[in-house]
Amino acid sequence: MKHIFFTLLSLLTLSMSAQMNETDQAIEKSKTFSIGVKVGVPNIISINGEFVLPVLNNRFAPYVDYGSFGLDIEDTETTLKYIEYGLNIYLGNKGKGLYVGAGSGTLKNEFTFNNLTFEENGVSLQGSATTNLDINALNLKLGFKTGGTFYFRIEAGYGLGTIPDVLNFTATSGGITETFTEEIPEIPGIGTNGFAIGNIGFGLSF
C-alpha cells in the first residue's frame, strides 16, 4: 500500500511539475513586447522598444531606439538626437539570450560655435553661429538579453558611416556674413569611419 501511495504521489508531483513548466514556457513565450532604457554610446541615454514576432520560433524582433541630449565641449554647444531602427535575430527560440542585430542609425547633431570672429571692411565682432550635421550609419552588433518580466541586456558593435573632420558653413552676426571652417568637436565613440556601439539596458517585458 505504501508503495502504491508513494508511486501515486511521485506521479502527481511529476504531473504538477510538467504543468508548471508548460505554464512557465507559455508565460515566457507570451512576453513579446519589451520597453526599457539604454545607456552607452553613441546614444548616451535612450528609450528602447522591441517586439518579438510570434513566428519562426520567436527569433525575429524589430526594435527602435530614440534619445535626445545636450553636450557642451569647450566653446561649442552640441545638441544630439539619436534614432535607430532595425532587426534583432535571436539564436535561441524564446526571444531571449544571444542575438545579432542590424539596423539603420541616425545621429542628428546641432552645433553652436561660440566666440567666432566676424570681420568686414575693418569691422570686427565676436558672435556665434549654429549649423547641423546628420550622420547616417549601418549598425551591426552582438547582444545578450535575459528573460523574465524584468530584463537586462548588453550590446556591442559598430556603426559604419562616413563622418567629416570639419564643418563648412556661412553665418551672419551683426549684419556681417562670414564663412567658417570649424573642426567637429570630439564626441565619445565617434571617428571618421563611423561610431562605436556599446550599451547596457534594462526594462520590462510583457
Protein backbone atom coordinates (compact mmCIF):
# COMPACT_ATOMS: atom_id res chain seq x y z
CA MET A 1 0.00 0.00 0.00
CA LYS A 2 2.82 2.36 0.89
CA HIS A 3 4.50 1.62 -2.44
CA ILE A 4 1.28 2.45 -4.29
CA PHE A 5 0.87 5.67 -2.27
CA PHE A 6 4.44 6.81 -2.98
CA THR A 7 4.07 5.85 -6.65
CA LEU A 8 0.87 7.92 -6.97
CA LEU A 9 2.49 10.81 -5.08
CA SER A 10 5.51 10.67 -7.39
CA LEU A 11 3.29 10.64 -10.49
CA LEU A 12 1.26 13.53 -9.12
CA THR A 13 4.43 15.52 -8.37
CA LEU A 14 5.81 14.87 -11.85
CA SER A 15 2.49 15.84 -13.41
CA MET A 16 2.33 19.10 -11.43
CA SER A 17 5.96 19.86 -12.30
CA ALA A 18 5.28 19.28 -16.00
CA GLN A 19 2.22 21.54 -15.86
CA MET A 20 4.22 24.26 -14.11
CA ASN A 21 6.96 24.02 -16.74
CA GLU A 22 4.37 24.26 -19.51
CA THR A 23 2.81 27.27 -17.79
CA ASP A 24 6.21 28.93 -17.39
CA GLN A 25 7.01 28.31 -21.05
CA ALA A 26 3.65 29.72 -22.10
CA ILE A 27 4.20 32.79 -19.95
CA GLU A 28 7.73 33.17 -21.31
CA LYS A 29 6.58 32.89 -24.91
CA SER A 30 3.80 35.42 -24.31
CA LYS A 31 6.34 38.14 -23.43
CA THR A 32 6.64 39.52 -26.94
CA PHE A 33 6.94 43.26 -26.20
CA SER A 34 9.77 44.93 -24.29
CA ILE A 35 10.26 48.57 -23.37
CA GLY A 36 13.20 49.98 -21.47
CA VAL A 37 16.20 52.27 -21.31
CA LYS A 38 19.70 52.01 -22.80
CA VAL A 39 22.79 53.82 -21.54
CA GLY A 40 26.06 53.96 -23.51
CA VAL A 41 27.44 55.18 -26.84
CA PRO A 42 26.50 56.75 -29.15
CA ASN A 43 23.02 57.10 -27.67
CA ILE A 44 24.20 58.32 -24.19
CA ILE A 45 20.70 57.53 -22.89
CA SER A 46 17.73 56.41 -24.96
CA ILE A 47 14.34 54.73 -24.83
CA ASN A 48 14.18 51.29 -26.45
CA GLY A 49 11.25 49.25 -27.71
CA GLU A 50 11.33 45.71 -29.12
CA PHE A 51 8.64 43.36 -30.44
CA VAL A 52 9.39 39.65 -30.74
CA LEU A 53 7.41 38.35 -33.72
CA PRO A 54 5.39 35.24 -32.79
CA VAL A 55 6.58 33.43 -35.93
CA LEU A 56 9.67 31.41 -36.86
CA ASN A 57 10.21 30.29 -33.25
CA ASN A 58 10.33 33.80 -31.78
CA ARG A 59 13.71 34.56 -33.32
CA PHE A 60 13.00 37.85 -35.13
CA ALA A 61 12.47 41.07 -33.19
CA PRO A 62 12.11 44.53 -34.79
CA TYR A 63 13.33 47.33 -32.50
CA VAL A 64 13.61 51.11 -32.25
CA ASP A 65 15.78 53.38 -30.08
CA TYR A 66 15.36 57.12 -29.50
CA GLY A 67 17.36 59.56 -27.44
CA SER A 68 18.00 63.31 -27.21
CA PHE A 69 20.62 65.08 -25.11
CA GLY A 70 22.90 68.10 -24.89
CA LEU A 71 26.67 68.14 -24.65
CA ASP A 72 28.95 71.18 -24.18
CA ILE A 73 32.53 70.81 -25.42
CA GLU A 74 34.83 73.80 -24.88
CA ASP A 75 33.27 76.74 -26.82
CA THR A 76 30.78 74.55 -28.65
CA GLU A 77 27.24 73.71 -27.57
CA THR A 78 26.03 70.42 -29.05
CA THR A 79 22.51 69.01 -29.21
CA LEU A 80 22.35 65.39 -30.31
CA LYS A 81 19.33 63.32 -31.32
CA TYR A 82 19.77 59.62 -31.93
CA ILE A 83 17.31 57.28 -33.61
CA GLU A 84 17.89 53.68 -34.66
CA TYR A 85 15.58 51.04 -36.02
CA GLY A 86 16.35 47.54 -37.21
CA LEU A 87 16.03 43.83 -36.52
CA ASN A 88 17.47 41.58 -33.82
CA ILE A 89 17.81 37.88 -34.66
CA TYR A 90 17.92 35.63 -31.59
CA LEU A 91 19.96 32.45 -31.76
CA GLY A 92 17.56 30.74 -29.34
CA ASN A 93 13.85 30.21 -29.88
CA LYS A 94 12.35 32.14 -26.96
CA GLY A 95 13.13 35.77 -27.79
CA LYS A 96 15.97 35.95 -25.28
CA GLY A 97 19.65 35.09 -24.94
CA LEU A 98 22.33 35.77 -27.53
CA TYR A 99 21.39 37.72 -30.66
CA VAL A 100 22.84 39.56 -33.64
CA GLY A 101 21.37 42.83 -34.81
CA ALA A 102 21.44 45.05 -37.87
CA GLY A 103 19.83 48.44 -38.25
CA SER A 104 19.91 51.98 -39.55
CA GLY A 105 21.20 54.59 -37.12
CA THR A 106 20.98 58.36 -37.50
CA LEU A 107 22.78 60.81 -35.24
CA LYS A 108 21.41 64.33 -35.75
CA ASN A 109 23.84 66.96 -34.50
CA GLU A 110 23.24 70.66 -33.97
CA PHE A 111 26.45 72.58 -33.22
CA THR A 112 26.52 76.13 -31.87
CA PHE A 113 30.02 77.55 -32.20
CA ASN A 114 30.70 80.46 -29.84
CA ASN A 115 33.44 83.11 -29.90
CA LEU A 116 33.54 83.28 -33.70
CA THR A 117 35.17 86.35 -35.25
CA PHE A 118 33.13 88.17 -37.91
CA GLU A 119 35.11 90.70 -39.99
CA GLU A 120 34.08 93.07 -42.78
CA ASN A 121 35.67 96.32 -44.03
CA GLY A 122 37.82 96.64 -40.94
CA VAL A 123 34.90 95.97 -38.61
CA SER A 124 35.36 93.03 -36.27
CA LEU A 125 33.00 91.49 -33.73
CA GLN A 126 32.54 88.28 -31.76
CA GLY A 127 29.46 86.17 -32.33
CA SER A 128 28.08 82.67 -32.52
CA ALA A 129 26.57 80.51 -35.23
CA THR A 130 24.61 77.25 -35.44
CA THR A 131 24.90 74.53 -38.06
CA ASN A 132 23.71 70.94 -38.44
CA LEU A 133 25.28 67.61 -39.30
CA ASP A 134 23.37 64.34 -39.79
CA ILE A 135 25.36 61.11 -39.54
CA ASN A 136 23.79 58.01 -41.07
CA ALA A 137 25.25 54.57 -40.39
CA LEU A 138 24.67 50.86 -40.86
CA ASN A 139 24.74 49.40 -37.37
CA LEU A 140 25.99 45.85 -36.78
CA LYS A 141 26.03 44.47 -33.26
CA LEU A 142 26.06 41.47 -30.97
CA GLY A 143 23.93 41.39 -27.85
CA PHE A 144 22.52 39.36 -25.00
CA LYS A 145 19.14 39.75 -23.30
CA THR A 146 17.85 37.97 -20.22
CA GLY A 147 14.32 36.61 -19.94
CA GLY A 148 11.60 37.31 -17.42
CA THR A 149 9.35 40.28 -16.73
CA PHE A 150 12.33 42.43 -15.77
CA TYR A 151 15.11 42.07 -18.34
CA PHE A 152 18.71 43.17 -18.69
CA ARG A 153 20.61 43.47 -21.98
CA ILE A 154 24.11 44.31 -23.18
CA GLU A 155 25.21 45.22 -26.71
CA ALA A 156 28.45 45.90 -28.57
CA GLY A 157 29.12 46.67 -32.22
CA TYR A 158 29.93 49.38 -34.74
CA GLY A 159 28.05 51.86 -36.92
CA LEU A 160 29.55 52.08 -40.42
CA GLY A 161 29.35 55.57 -41.89
CA THR A 162 31.39 58.50 -43.22
CA ILE A 163 31.95 61.40 -40.86
CA PRO A 164 33.77 64.59 -41.99
CA ASP A 165 36.60 66.09 -39.96
CA VAL A 166 35.39 69.69 -40.36
CA LEU A 167 32.21 71.64 -40.97
CA ASN A 168 31.95 74.40 -43.57
CA PHE A 169 29.13 76.89 -43.03
CA THR A 170 28.15 80.51 -43.58
CA ALA A 171 26.71 82.63 -40.77
CA THR A 172 25.59 86.22 -40.19
CA SER A 173 26.04 88.24 -37.00
CA GLY A 174 25.56 92.00 -36.55
CA GLY A 175 24.91 92.34 -40.28
CA ILE A 176 28.27 90.73 -41.17
CA THR A 177 28.25 87.47 -43.17
CA GLU A 178 31.25 85.20 -42.79
CA THR A 179 32.20 81.72 -43.99
CA PHE A 180 33.76 79.44 -41.39
CA THR A 181 35.57 76.11 -41.28
CA GLU A 182 35.37 74.52 -37.84
CA GLU A 183 36.56 71.16 -36.55
CA ILE A 184 33.86 68.82 -35.30
CA PRO A 185 34.04 68.52 -31.50
CA GLU A 186 35.34 65.22 -30.18
CA ILE A 187 32.24 63.22 -29.31
CA PRO A 188 32.94 59.99 -27.37
CA GLY A 189 32.99 56.90 -29.59
CA ILE A 190 32.73 58.78 -32.92
CA GLY A 191 35.51 58.58 -35.55
CA THR A 192 35.88 59.35 -39.25
CA ASN A 193 34.58 55.92 -40.33
CA GLY A 194 31.59 55.68 -38.01
CA PHE A 195 30.91 55.22 -34.33
CA ALA A 196 31.34 52.57 -31.68
CA ILE A 197 28.25 50.93 -30.21
CA GLY A 198 28.36 49.85 -26.60
CA ASN A 199 25.49 49.97 -24.15
CA ILE A 200 23.65 48.30 -21.34
CA GLY A 201 19.89 48.31 -20.98
CA PHE A 202 17.08 47.23 -18.72
CA GLY A 203 13.31 47.34 -18.69
CA LEU A 204 10.08 45.35 -18.66
CA SER A 205 8.73 42.62 -20.94
CA PHE A 206 5.06 41.81 -21.41
